Each structure stands twice: as structure tokens, then as C-alpha cells.
Amino acid sequence: MIVSNTSTLVLLAKIGCLEQFIMISPPIEIPSQVKEESLFYPESYYALLIHKLITQGKINVTKVEEKNIRIIMSQFRLDKGEAAAYVLFDSSKHKAILTDDGELIKLCKLQEVPFTCALGALVRLYEKKVITKEKTLEKISQLQKIGRYSPKLIDYFKKEVQ
């Protein structure tokens, strides 16, 4: 299984790749706090899609203790969803955390927790031949417009599909 926070689910949904990624990835588990954040705008396309995937059992929701979330939030500059995803991660049952949050990525690096981001998910879709090279580059460009990625990171992932 992999744990996800809100940002990556929303980004993948916005570029039309969330369902494809779920087809090729290990099962996705999210904290209930991430579910709440993901469905904050209930009429948005991404919220409707995420809700559908939860209802279909393609995204599993797990309760995470608020006390544990507050502890992590007091120690690191994480918002509630990111802290909940970090608390939920258990190396004995999860392979990685799916996140595009810079602070959570720093914490994952510090604690040696495996992680990937929406750009990494796109490269994985390309490697598994779910989407073409052209489509992957198009989706990377879309993420560049809606995400907070450095030009260096965008270039790195573009080279991964060249």
C-alpha cells in the first residue's frame, strides 16, 4: 500500500491521471483528514472523482488519532493532511508516501521514508506503457502550470521520459 496526502490526489485528478495511476499502483490509503480536505469543494471535478474512488474502495480511508497529528504538527511545519499522512505511514505495510508538499518531502528525506510525487506518478504511468511519451510530456506541462515545481524538477522528470 501507499499513503497519500491531499495535494497529489488532487493534482493527479486535475490532469486526468488519478484513475490510471490507481490501476497500476499498490492500493492507496489516506487518513480521514485527507478525505475531508480532498472533498472540501464537493462539486469540483477532483472532489467528485476522489469521492467516487473512495466509494468504490479504490482509495481506502483510515482514522488517524488527532493527538498524534498535533504532535507531528508541533514538531514540523506540516498542515493537518500532511501530518496525518505521515502519522499513518507504517514501513511494515506501506511502500511510500505520495505527496507534492515540500515540507512533507523534506521530512520524508530526513526520516528516510520513501516518497513520490505527481511527476513521479506520471513517469511510472509512462514506464508501464499506460500513457505515451507525448501524453506524459503534455501532463508534465499541465502539472507545471498548476503545481509548485521548480524548473529544475520539471526538467528532471522530462528527461526521465526522453
N, C-alpha and C. Protein backbone atom coordinates (compact mmCIF):
# COMPACT_ATOMS: atom_id res chain seq x y z
N MET A 1 0.84 -1.19 0.00
CA MET A 1 0.00 0.00 0.00
C MET A 1 0.88 1.25 0.00
N ILE A 2 0.30 2.33 -0.47
CA ILE A 2 0.96 3.63 -0.34
C ILE A 2 0.00 4.59 0.36
N VAL A 3 0.56 5.52 1.09
CA VAL A 3 -0.21 6.55 1.78
C VAL A 3 -0.18 7.80 0.91
N SER A 4 -1.29 8.50 0.83
CA SER A 4 -1.30 9.75 0.07
C SER A 4 -1.80 10.90 0.92
N ASN A 5 -1.28 12.09 0.64
CA ASN A 5 -1.88 13.28 1.20
C ASN A 5 -2.77 13.90 0.13
N THR A 6 -3.33 15.04 0.42
CA THR A 6 -4.33 15.64 -0.46
C THR A 6 -3.75 16.13 -1.79
N SER A 7 -2.64 16.83 -1.73
CA SER A 7 -2.13 17.53 -2.91
C SER A 7 -1.95 16.63 -4.12
N THR A 8 -1.36 15.48 -3.92
CA THR A 8 -1.07 14.62 -5.07
C THR A 8 -2.34 14.01 -5.65
N LEU A 9 -3.28 13.63 -4.79
CA LEU A 9 -4.56 13.12 -5.29
C LEU A 9 -5.24 14.17 -6.16
N VAL A 10 -5.27 15.40 -5.66
CA VAL A 10 -5.94 16.49 -6.39
C VAL A 10 -5.21 16.79 -7.70
N LEU A 11 -3.89 16.88 -7.66
CA LEU A 11 -3.13 17.16 -8.89
C LEU A 11 -3.34 16.08 -9.94
N LEU A 12 -3.26 14.82 -9.53
CA LEU A 12 -3.47 13.73 -10.50
C LEU A 12 -4.89 13.73 -11.04
N ALA A 13 -5.86 14.05 -10.19
CA ALA A 13 -7.26 14.13 -10.66
C ALA A 13 -7.42 15.28 -11.65
N LYS A 14 -6.83 16.43 -11.35
CA LYS A 14 -6.97 17.60 -12.22
C LYS A 14 -6.40 17.37 -13.61
N ILE A 15 -5.35 16.56 -13.72
CA ILE A 15 -4.77 16.32 -15.05
C ILE A 15 -5.29 15.03 -15.68
N GLY A 16 -6.28 14.41 -15.03
CA GLY A 16 -6.93 13.23 -15.61
C GLY A 16 -6.14 11.94 -15.52
N CYS A 17 -5.28 11.82 -14.52
CA CYS A 17 -4.45 10.61 -14.41
C CYS A 17 -4.64 9.82 -13.12
N LEU A 18 -5.51 10.26 -12.23
CA LEU A 18 -5.64 9.58 -10.95
C LEU A 18 -6.14 8.15 -11.10
N GLU A 19 -7.18 7.96 -11.90
CA GLU A 19 -7.72 6.60 -12.07
C GLU A 19 -6.69 5.68 -12.72
N GLN A 20 -5.96 6.19 -13.70
CA GLN A 20 -4.92 5.37 -14.34
C GLN A 20 -3.82 5.01 -13.35
N PHE A 21 -3.44 5.96 -12.51
CA PHE A 21 -2.39 5.67 -11.53
C PHE A 21 -2.87 4.62 -10.53
N ILE A 22 -4.10 4.72 -10.10
CA ILE A 22 -4.65 3.74 -9.15
C ILE A 22 -4.65 2.34 -9.76
N MET A 23 -4.86 2.24 -11.07
CA MET A 23 -4.86 0.93 -11.73
C MET A 23 -3.50 0.24 -11.64
N ILE A 24 -2.41 1.00 -11.64
CA ILE A 24 -1.08 0.38 -11.68
C ILE A 24 -0.33 0.44 -10.35
N SER A 25 -0.87 1.17 -9.40
CA SER A 25 -0.14 1.36 -8.14
C SER A 25 -0.61 0.36 -7.09
N PRO A 26 0.19 0.22 -6.03
CA PRO A 26 -0.32 -0.54 -4.89
C PRO A 26 -1.57 0.17 -4.36
N PRO A 27 -2.38 -0.50 -3.56
CA PRO A 27 -3.57 0.17 -3.02
C PRO A 27 -3.20 1.48 -2.30
N ILE A 28 -4.07 2.47 -2.43
CA ILE A 28 -3.83 3.77 -1.81
C ILE A 28 -4.66 3.88 -0.53
N GLU A 29 -4.00 4.33 0.53
CA GLU A 29 -4.66 4.54 1.81
C GLU A 29 -4.48 6.01 2.19
N ILE A 30 -5.56 6.63 2.64
CA ILE A 30 -5.48 8.02 3.07
C ILE A 30 -6.07 8.15 4.47
N PRO A 31 -5.57 9.10 5.24
CA PRO A 31 -6.19 9.38 6.53
C PRO A 31 -7.54 10.06 6.32
N SER A 32 -8.43 9.95 7.29
CA SER A 32 -9.74 10.60 7.16
C SER A 32 -9.59 12.11 7.00
N GLN A 33 -8.54 12.68 7.56
CA GLN A 33 -8.29 14.12 7.42
C GLN A 33 -8.01 14.49 5.96
N VAL A 34 -7.33 13.63 5.24
CA VAL A 34 -7.06 13.86 3.82
C VAL A 34 -8.36 13.75 3.03
N LYS A 35 -9.20 12.82 3.40
CA LYS A 35 -10.51 12.70 2.74
C LYS A 35 -11.28 14.01 2.90
N GLU A 36 -11.32 14.55 4.12
CA GLU A 36 -12.03 15.81 4.37
C GLU A 36 -11.46 16.93 3.51
N GLU A 37 -10.14 17.05 3.45
CA GLU A 37 -9.51 18.10 2.64
C GLU A 37 -9.82 17.91 1.16
N SER A 38 -9.77 16.67 0.70
CA SER A 38 -9.99 16.37 -0.72
C SER A 38 -11.41 16.69 -1.17
N LEU A 39 -12.35 16.60 -0.23
CA LEU A 39 -13.76 16.80 -0.57
C LEU A 39 -14.26 18.18 -0.14
N PHE A 40 -13.34 19.09 0.19
CA PHE A 40 -13.70 20.42 0.70
C PHE A 40 -14.57 21.19 -0.30
N TYR A 41 -14.27 21.07 -1.58
CA TYR A 41 -15.09 21.68 -2.63
C TYR A 41 -15.89 20.55 -3.28
N PRO A 42 -17.02 20.16 -2.68
CA PRO A 42 -17.70 18.91 -3.06
C PRO A 42 -18.21 18.86 -4.50
N GLU A 43 -18.39 19.99 -5.14
CA GLU A 43 -18.89 19.99 -6.51
C GLU A 43 -17.76 20.03 -7.55
N SER A 44 -16.53 20.15 -7.09
CA SER A 44 -15.41 20.20 -8.04
C SER A 44 -15.20 18.83 -8.66
N TYR A 45 -14.64 18.83 -9.85
CA TYR A 45 -14.38 17.57 -10.55
C TYR A 45 -13.51 16.64 -9.72
N TYR A 46 -12.42 17.19 -9.18
CA TYR A 46 -11.49 16.32 -8.44
C TYR A 46 -12.14 15.74 -7.18
N ALA A 47 -12.97 16.53 -6.49
CA ALA A 47 -13.65 16.01 -5.30
C ALA A 47 -14.64 14.91 -5.67
N LEU A 48 -15.38 15.12 -6.75
CA LEU A 48 -16.34 14.09 -7.19
C LEU A 48 -15.61 12.81 -7.57
N LEU A 49 -14.47 12.93 -8.25
CA LEU A 49 -13.70 11.76 -8.65
C LEU A 49 -13.13 11.04 -7.43
N ILE A 50 -12.53 11.79 -6.52
CA ILE A 50 -11.95 11.17 -5.32
C ILE A 50 -13.04 10.50 -4.50
N HIS A 51 -14.19 11.15 -4.36
CA HIS A 51 -15.31 10.54 -3.63
C HIS A 51 -15.74 9.23 -4.29
N LYS A 52 -15.82 9.24 -5.61
CA LYS A 52 -16.20 8.02 -6.34
C LYS A 52 -15.19 6.90 -6.07
N LEU A 53 -13.91 7.22 -6.11
CA LEU A 53 -12.87 6.20 -5.90
C LEU A 53 -12.89 5.67 -4.47
N ILE A 54 -13.22 6.53 -3.52
CA ILE A 54 -13.37 6.08 -2.13
C ILE A 54 -14.57 5.15 -2.02
N THR A 55 -15.69 5.56 -2.60
CA THR A 55 -16.91 4.75 -2.57
C THR A 55 -16.70 3.39 -3.22
N GLN A 56 -15.93 3.36 -4.30
CA GLN A 56 -15.64 2.10 -4.99
C GLN A 56 -14.59 1.25 -4.28
N GLY A 57 -14.02 1.77 -3.21
CA GLY A 57 -13.00 1.03 -2.47
C GLY A 57 -11.62 1.06 -3.12
N LYS A 58 -11.43 1.97 -4.07
CA LYS A 58 -10.13 2.07 -4.73
C LYS A 58 -9.16 2.96 -3.96
N ILE A 59 -9.71 3.76 -3.06
CA ILE A 59 -8.92 4.52 -2.09
C ILE A 59 -9.49 4.17 -0.73
N ASN A 60 -8.63 3.66 0.14
CA ASN A 60 -9.06 3.27 1.49
C ASN A 60 -8.85 4.43 2.45
N VAL A 61 -9.82 4.63 3.34
CA VAL A 61 -9.75 5.72 4.33
C VAL A 61 -9.56 5.12 5.71
N THR A 62 -8.60 5.67 6.46
CA THR A 62 -8.28 5.19 7.80
C THR A 62 -8.28 6.36 8.78
N LYS A 63 -8.83 6.13 9.95
CA LYS A 63 -8.84 7.15 11.01
C LYS A 63 -7.45 7.25 11.63
N VAL A 64 -6.97 8.46 11.79
CA VAL A 64 -5.69 8.72 12.44
C VAL A 64 -5.99 9.59 13.67
N GLU A 65 -5.39 9.24 14.79
CA GLU A 65 -5.62 9.96 16.04
C GLU A 65 -5.18 11.42 15.95
N GLU A 66 -6.07 12.32 16.33
CA GLU A 66 -5.78 13.75 16.31
C GLU A 66 -4.58 14.09 17.18
N LYS A 67 -4.45 13.40 18.31
CA LYS A 67 -3.34 13.66 19.24
C LYS A 67 -2.00 13.45 18.53
N ASN A 68 -1.88 12.36 17.78
CA ASN A 68 -0.64 12.07 17.07
C ASN A 68 -0.36 13.09 15.97
N ILE A 69 -1.43 13.55 15.33
CA ILE A 69 -1.29 14.58 14.29
C ILE A 69 -0.78 15.88 14.90
N ARG A 70 -1.36 16.27 16.04
CA ARG A 70 -0.94 17.51 16.70
C ARG A 70 0.54 17.46 17.11
N ILE A 71 0.99 16.30 17.56
CA ILE A 71 2.40 16.15 17.94
C ILE A 71 3.30 16.42 16.74
N ILE A 72 3.00 15.80 15.61
CA ILE A 72 3.81 15.99 14.40
C ILE A 72 3.73 17.44 13.93
N MET A 73 2.54 18.04 13.99
CA MET A 73 2.38 19.43 13.56
C MET A 73 3.17 20.38 14.46
N SER A 74 3.32 20.04 15.73
CA SER A 74 4.08 20.91 16.64
C SER A 74 5.59 20.78 16.40
N GLN A 75 6.01 19.66 15.83
CA GLN A 75 7.43 19.42 15.61
C GLN A 75 7.90 19.84 14.22
N PHE A 76 6.99 19.83 13.25
CA PHE A 76 7.34 20.11 11.86
C PHE A 76 6.31 21.07 11.26
N ARG A 77 6.68 21.77 10.22
CA ARG A 77 5.78 22.73 9.57
C ARG A 77 4.88 22.02 8.56
N LEU A 78 4.00 21.20 9.08
CA LEU A 78 3.08 20.46 8.22
C LEU A 78 1.65 20.89 8.52
N ASP A 79 0.82 20.90 7.50
CA ASP A 79 -0.61 21.09 7.70
C ASP A 79 -1.21 19.76 8.14
N LYS A 80 -2.48 19.80 8.49
CA LYS A 80 -3.13 18.63 9.07
C LYS A 80 -3.09 17.40 8.17
N GLY A 81 -3.41 17.55 6.90
CA GLY A 81 -3.44 16.40 5.99
C GLY A 81 -2.07 15.77 5.81
N GLU A 82 -1.04 16.60 5.69
CA GLU A 82 0.32 16.09 5.53
C GLU A 82 0.78 15.38 6.81
N ALA A 83 0.48 15.99 7.96
CA ALA A 83 0.86 15.37 9.23
C ALA A 83 0.13 14.04 9.41
N ALA A 84 -1.15 14.01 9.04
CA ALA A 84 -1.93 12.76 9.16
C ALA A 84 -1.36 11.68 8.26
N ALA A 85 -0.97 12.04 7.04
CA ALA A 85 -0.38 11.06 6.12
C ALA A 85 0.93 10.52 6.69
N TYR A 86 1.73 11.40 7.26
CA TYR A 86 3.00 10.98 7.86
C TYR A 86 2.75 10.03 9.04
N VAL A 87 1.78 10.37 9.89
CA VAL A 87 1.45 9.52 11.04
C VAL A 87 0.94 8.16 10.58
N LEU A 88 0.14 8.13 9.53
CA LEU A 88 -0.43 6.89 9.02
C LEU A 88 0.63 5.95 8.45
N PHE A 89 1.68 6.52 7.86
CA PHE A 89 2.70 5.69 7.22
C PHE A 89 3.32 4.71 8.21
N ASP A 90 3.35 3.45 7.80
CA ASP A 90 3.95 2.37 8.58
C ASP A 90 4.80 1.55 7.61
N SER A 91 6.10 1.58 7.81
CA SER A 91 7.00 0.93 6.86
C SER A 91 6.77 -0.57 6.72
N SER A 92 6.09 -1.18 7.69
CA SER A 92 5.83 -2.62 7.58
C SER A 92 4.67 -2.92 6.64
N LYS A 93 3.83 -1.92 6.33
CA LYS A 93 2.72 -2.18 5.41
C LYS A 93 2.60 -1.19 4.26
N HIS A 94 3.33 -0.09 4.31
CA HIS A 94 3.27 0.91 3.24
C HIS A 94 4.61 1.00 2.53
N LYS A 95 4.55 1.14 1.20
CA LYS A 95 5.78 1.25 0.41
C LYS A 95 6.31 2.68 0.37
N ALA A 96 5.40 3.66 0.39
CA ALA A 96 5.83 5.05 0.22
C ALA A 96 4.69 5.99 0.59
N ILE A 97 5.04 7.27 0.64
CA ILE A 97 4.06 8.34 0.78
C ILE A 97 3.98 9.06 -0.55
N LEU A 98 2.78 9.31 -1.00
CA LEU A 98 2.52 10.05 -2.24
C LEU A 98 2.24 11.49 -1.83
N THR A 99 3.16 12.41 -2.14
CA THR A 99 3.00 13.80 -1.72
C THR A 99 3.69 14.76 -2.66
N ASP A 100 3.13 15.94 -2.77
CA ASP A 100 3.76 17.04 -3.50
C ASP A 100 4.03 18.21 -2.57
N ASP A 101 3.88 17.98 -1.27
CA ASP A 101 4.10 19.02 -0.27
C ASP A 101 5.58 19.10 0.08
N GLY A 102 6.16 20.27 -0.12
CA GLY A 102 7.59 20.45 0.10
C GLY A 102 8.05 20.11 1.51
N GLU A 103 7.29 20.51 2.50
CA GLU A 103 7.68 20.24 3.89
C GLU A 103 7.60 18.75 4.21
N LEU A 104 6.58 18.07 3.70
CA LEU A 104 6.48 16.63 3.94
C LEU A 104 7.60 15.89 3.20
N ILE A 105 7.95 16.36 2.02
CA ILE A 105 9.06 15.75 1.28
C ILE A 105 10.36 15.89 2.07
N LYS A 106 10.59 17.08 2.65
CA LYS A 106 11.79 17.27 3.48
C LYS A 106 11.80 16.31 4.66
N LEU A 107 10.65 16.15 5.32
CA LEU A 107 10.56 15.24 6.46
C LEU A 107 10.80 13.80 6.02
N CYS A 108 10.23 13.42 4.89
CA CYS A 108 10.46 12.06 4.37
C CYS A 108 11.95 11.82 4.12
N LYS A 109 12.61 12.79 3.53
CA LYS A 109 14.05 12.66 3.28
C LYS A 109 14.81 12.53 4.60
N LEU A 110 14.46 13.38 5.56
CA LEU A 110 15.12 13.38 6.87
C LEU A 110 14.96 12.04 7.58
N GLN A 111 13.75 11.47 7.51
CA GLN A 111 13.44 10.22 8.21
C GLN A 111 13.62 8.99 7.33
N GLU A 112 14.11 9.19 6.11
CA GLU A 112 14.33 8.10 5.15
C GLU A 112 13.05 7.32 4.86
N VAL A 113 11.97 8.06 4.70
CA VAL A 113 10.68 7.47 4.32
C VAL A 113 10.56 7.59 2.80
N PRO A 114 10.33 6.49 2.10
CA PRO A 114 10.19 6.57 0.64
C PRO A 114 8.98 7.43 0.26
N PHE A 115 9.12 8.19 -0.80
CA PHE A 115 8.02 9.04 -1.26
C PHE A 115 8.11 9.19 -2.77
N THR A 116 7.00 9.61 -3.35
CA THR A 116 6.98 10.03 -4.74
C THR A 116 5.95 11.14 -4.87
N CYS A 117 5.97 11.81 -6.00
CA CYS A 117 5.07 12.94 -6.23
C CYS A 117 4.28 12.70 -7.52
N ALA A 118 3.43 13.65 -7.87
CA ALA A 118 2.61 13.51 -9.08
C ALA A 118 3.49 13.34 -10.32
N LEU A 119 4.61 14.05 -10.38
CA LEU A 119 5.52 13.91 -11.52
C LEU A 119 6.06 12.49 -11.59
N GLY A 120 6.42 11.93 -10.45
CA GLY A 120 6.90 10.55 -10.40
C GLY A 120 5.82 9.57 -10.81
N ALA A 121 4.58 9.86 -10.42
CA ALA A 121 3.46 9.00 -10.81
C ALA A 121 3.29 9.01 -12.33
N LEU A 122 3.46 10.17 -12.95
CA LEU A 122 3.37 10.26 -14.42
C LEU A 122 4.45 9.42 -15.10
N VAL A 123 5.66 9.52 -14.59
CA VAL A 123 6.76 8.72 -15.16
C VAL A 123 6.45 7.24 -15.02
N ARG A 124 5.87 6.86 -13.90
CA ARG A 124 5.50 5.45 -13.69
C ARG A 124 4.44 5.02 -14.70
N LEU A 125 3.46 5.88 -14.97
CA LEU A 125 2.44 5.57 -15.98
C LEU A 125 3.09 5.38 -17.35
N TYR A 126 4.08 6.20 -17.65
CA TYR A 126 4.81 6.08 -18.91
C TYR A 126 5.61 4.78 -18.95
N GLU A 127 6.32 4.47 -17.88
CA GLU A 127 7.13 3.25 -17.83
C GLU A 127 6.27 2.00 -17.99
N LYS A 128 5.07 2.05 -17.45
CA LYS A 128 4.15 0.90 -17.54
C LYS A 128 3.37 0.90 -18.86
N LYS A 129 3.68 1.87 -19.73
CA LYS A 129 3.04 1.99 -21.04
C LYS A 129 1.53 2.24 -20.97
N VAL A 130 1.12 2.92 -19.90
CA VAL A 130 -0.28 3.29 -19.75
C VAL A 130 -0.55 4.57 -20.55
N ILE A 131 0.45 5.46 -20.58
CA ILE A 131 0.34 6.67 -21.40
C ILE A 131 1.60 6.80 -22.26
N THR A 132 1.45 7.47 -23.38
CA THR A 132 2.55 7.63 -24.33
C THR A 132 3.54 8.69 -23.84
N LYS A 133 4.67 8.73 -24.50
CA LYS A 133 5.68 9.75 -24.20
C LYS A 133 5.09 11.15 -24.40
N GLU A 134 4.39 11.34 -25.50
CA GLU A 134 3.80 12.64 -25.81
C GLU A 134 2.79 13.05 -24.75
N LYS A 135 1.95 12.11 -24.35
CA LYS A 135 0.93 12.38 -23.33
C LYS A 135 1.59 12.67 -21.98
N THR A 136 2.66 11.95 -21.67
CA THR A 136 3.38 12.18 -20.41
C THR A 136 3.96 13.59 -20.39
N LEU A 137 4.59 14.00 -21.47
CA LEU A 137 5.17 15.35 -21.53
C LEU A 137 4.08 16.42 -21.46
N GLU A 138 2.93 16.14 -22.08
CA GLU A 138 1.79 17.06 -22.01
C GLU A 138 1.30 17.20 -20.57
N LYS A 139 1.20 16.08 -19.86
CA LYS A 139 0.73 16.08 -18.47
C LYS A 139 1.75 16.76 -17.55
N ILE A 140 3.04 16.57 -17.83
CA ILE A 140 4.07 17.27 -17.05
C ILE A 140 3.91 18.78 -17.23
N SER A 141 3.63 19.22 -18.44
CA SER A 141 3.41 20.65 -18.70
C SER A 141 2.18 21.16 -17.95
N GLN A 142 1.13 20.34 -17.90
CA GLN A 142 -0.06 20.73 -17.14
C GLN A 142 0.27 20.87 -15.65
N LEU A 143 1.04 19.91 -15.13
CA LEU A 143 1.43 19.99 -13.71
C LEU A 143 2.30 21.21 -13.45
N GLN A 144 3.13 21.55 -14.40
CA GLN A 144 3.99 22.73 -14.26
C GLN A 144 3.14 23.98 -14.07
N LYS A 145 2.00 24.04 -14.74
CA LYS A 145 1.12 25.21 -14.65
C LYS A 145 0.33 25.25 -13.35
N ILE A 146 -0.09 24.08 -12.84
CA ILE A 146 -0.96 24.08 -11.67
C ILE A 146 -0.25 23.70 -10.37
N GLY A 147 0.96 23.16 -10.47
CA GLY A 147 1.70 22.75 -9.27
C GLY A 147 2.78 23.76 -8.93
N ARG A 148 3.46 23.48 -7.85
CA ARG A 148 4.56 24.35 -7.40
C ARG A 148 5.88 23.61 -7.58
N TYR A 149 6.32 23.55 -8.81
CA TYR A 149 7.54 22.81 -9.13
C TYR A 149 8.61 23.75 -9.64
N SER A 150 9.84 23.49 -9.25
CA SER A 150 10.95 24.28 -9.77
C SER A 150 11.21 23.86 -11.22
N PRO A 151 11.74 24.77 -12.03
CA PRO A 151 12.09 24.40 -13.40
C PRO A 151 13.06 23.21 -13.44
N LYS A 152 13.96 23.16 -12.46
CA LYS A 152 14.94 22.07 -12.39
C LYS A 152 14.23 20.72 -12.21
N LEU A 153 13.22 20.68 -11.36
CA LEU A 153 12.47 19.44 -11.13
C LEU A 153 11.69 19.03 -12.38
N ILE A 154 11.06 20.00 -13.03
CA ILE A 154 10.32 19.73 -14.27
C ILE A 154 11.28 19.16 -15.32
N ASP A 155 12.43 19.79 -15.47
CA ASP A 155 13.42 19.29 -16.44
C ASP A 155 13.87 17.88 -16.12
N TYR A 156 14.08 17.60 -14.84
CA TYR A 156 14.50 16.25 -14.42
C TYR A 156 13.48 15.21 -14.87
N PHE A 157 12.20 15.47 -14.61
CA PHE A 157 11.18 14.48 -14.96
C PHE A 157 10.95 14.41 -16.47
N LYS A 158 11.12 15.51 -17.18
CA LYS A 158 11.03 15.45 -18.64
C LYS A 158 12.13 14.56 -19.21
N LYS A 159 13.32 14.65 -18.64
CA LYS A 159 14.43 13.80 -19.09
C LYS A 159 14.17 12.33 -18.80
N GLU A 160 13.40 12.05 -17.76
CA GLU A 160 13.08 10.67 -17.41
C GLU A 160 12.25 9.98 -18.50
N VAL A 161 11.55 10.76 -19.31
CA VAL A 161 10.73 10.17 -20.38
C VAL A 161 11.34 10.37 -21.77
N GLN A 162 12.51 10.96 -21.86
CA GLN A 162 13.15 11.17 -23.17
C GLN A 162 13.76 9.90 -23.69
